[in-house]
């Protein structure tokens, strides 16, 4: 994985973690495309809202999985290596997620 100009850290993911996250994102992409088709087909508002709610739930599940993986790997490794600033980073991330 290459570093990008927009961030300062990268993470090598296991093949299992990578596949799981990509599969979740692919399903979410499909759901979003489905909503677009519903709007193009003049679907009823509440039907669209129900699908949007399903996407929100799917994104929340993605966040939970990614956060759990992050805590078990990145955060745990950093704490073991004496990088306590990672705790502050985690707290800030959780605050952003809870807005």
Protein backbone atom coordinates (compact mmCIF):
# COMPACT_ATOMS: atom_id res chain seq x y z
CA UNK A 1 0.00 0.00 0.00
CA UNK A 2 1.37 3.41 -0.91
CA UNK A 3 1.21 6.55 1.18
CA UNK A 4 -1.15 9.19 -0.15
CA UNK A 5 -0.79 12.93 0.06
CA UNK A 6 -3.98 13.27 2.10
CA UNK A 7 -2.97 11.20 5.12
CA UNK A 8 0.09 10.33 7.13
CA UNK A 9 -0.53 6.71 8.03
CA UNK A 10 -1.30 3.53 6.16
CA UNK A 11 -2.25 0.03 7.29
CA UNK A 12 -1.61 -3.38 5.82
CA UNK A 13 -4.84 -5.36 6.20
CA UNK A 14 -5.14 -9.11 6.25
CA UNK A 15 -6.78 -10.61 3.19
CA UNK A 16 -9.81 -11.57 5.30
CA UNK A 17 -10.24 -8.03 6.68
CA UNK A 18 -9.74 -6.50 3.22
CA UNK A 19 -12.31 -8.80 1.59
CA UNK A 20 -14.85 -8.25 4.35
CA UNK A 21 -14.61 -4.45 4.16
CA UNK A 22 -14.68 -4.41 0.34
CA UNK A 23 -17.71 -6.73 0.31
CA UNK A 24 -19.57 -4.44 2.70
CA UNK A 25 -18.72 -1.38 0.59
CA UNK A 26 -19.82 -3.16 -2.59
CA UNK A 27 -23.19 -3.94 -1.04
CA UNK A 28 -23.56 -0.32 0.10
CA UNK A 29 -22.70 0.90 -3.41
CA UNK A 30 -25.38 -1.39 -4.78
CA UNK A 31 -27.91 -0.03 -2.32
CA UNK A 32 -27.08 3.57 -3.29
CA UNK A 33 -27.46 2.72 -6.98
CA UNK A 34 -30.80 1.14 -6.11
CA UNK A 35 -32.01 4.36 -4.50
CA UNK A 36 -30.96 6.32 -7.57
CA UNK A 37 -33.04 3.96 -9.72
CA UNK A 38 -35.96 4.36 -7.32
CA UNK A 39 -35.80 8.14 -7.69
CA UNK A 40 -35.50 7.86 -11.47
CA UNK A 41 -38.57 5.60 -11.42
CA UNK A 42 -40.53 8.07 -9.25
CA UNK A 43 -40.76 5.66 -6.33
CA UNK A 44 -42.82 6.66 -3.33
CA UNK A 45 -40.96 8.75 -0.70
CA UNK A 46 -41.36 6.36 2.21
CA UNK A 47 -40.04 3.45 0.14
CA UNK A 48 -36.90 5.48 -0.60
CA UNK A 49 -36.57 6.54 3.03
CA UNK A 50 -36.67 2.91 4.14
CA UNK A 51 -33.82 2.12 1.75
CA UNK A 52 -31.82 5.13 2.99
CA UNK A 53 -32.28 3.81 6.52
CA UNK A 54 -30.91 0.44 5.38
CA UNK A 55 -27.85 2.18 3.92
CA UNK A 56 -27.29 4.05 7.17
CA UNK A 57 -27.42 0.75 9.05
CA UNK A 58 -24.97 -0.80 6.58
CA UNK A 59 -22.57 2.14 6.97
CA UNK A 60 -22.82 1.85 10.76
CA UNK A 61 -21.99 -1.86 10.52
CA UNK A 62 -19.00 -1.00 8.30
CA UNK A 63 -17.83 1.57 10.87
CA UNK A 64 -18.20 -0.91 13.74
CA UNK A 65 -16.16 -3.55 11.92
CA UNK A 66 -13.44 -1.10 10.89
CA UNK A 67 -13.27 0.42 14.37
CA UNK A 68 -13.03 -2.98 16.05
CA UNK A 69 -10.23 -3.99 13.67
CA UNK A 70 -8.48 -0.68 14.32
CA UNK A 71 -8.62 -1.13 18.10
CA UNK A 72 -7.45 -4.75 17.95
CA UNK A 73 -4.53 -3.97 15.66
CA UNK A 74 -3.34 -0.37 15.34
CA UNK A 75 -4.35 0.88 18.79
CA UNK A 76 -3.25 -2.24 20.65
CA UNK A 77 0.10 -2.34 18.83
CA UNK A 78 0.77 1.35 19.49
CA UNK A 79 -0.07 1.03 23.20
CA UNK A 80 2.20 -2.01 23.50
CA UNK A 81 4.94 0.09 21.89
CA UNK A 82 4.43 2.96 24.34
CA UNK A 83 2.65 5.31 21.92
CA UNK A 84 0.03 6.61 24.33
CA UNK A 85 -0.94 9.44 21.94
CA UNK A 86 -2.89 6.79 20.06
CA UNK A 87 -5.43 6.83 22.89
CA UNK A 88 -6.06 10.54 22.28
CA UNK A 89 -6.44 9.83 18.56
CA UNK A 90 -8.97 7.07 19.32
CA UNK A 91 -10.96 9.33 21.65
CA UNK A 92 -11.06 12.05 18.98
CA UNK A 93 -12.18 9.52 16.38
CA UNK A 94 -14.96 8.23 18.65
CA UNK A 95 -16.11 11.80 19.29
CA UNK A 96 -16.35 12.40 15.54
CA UNK A 97 -18.28 9.16 15.06
CA UNK A 98 -20.79 10.12 17.74
CA UNK A 99 -21.84 13.45 16.20
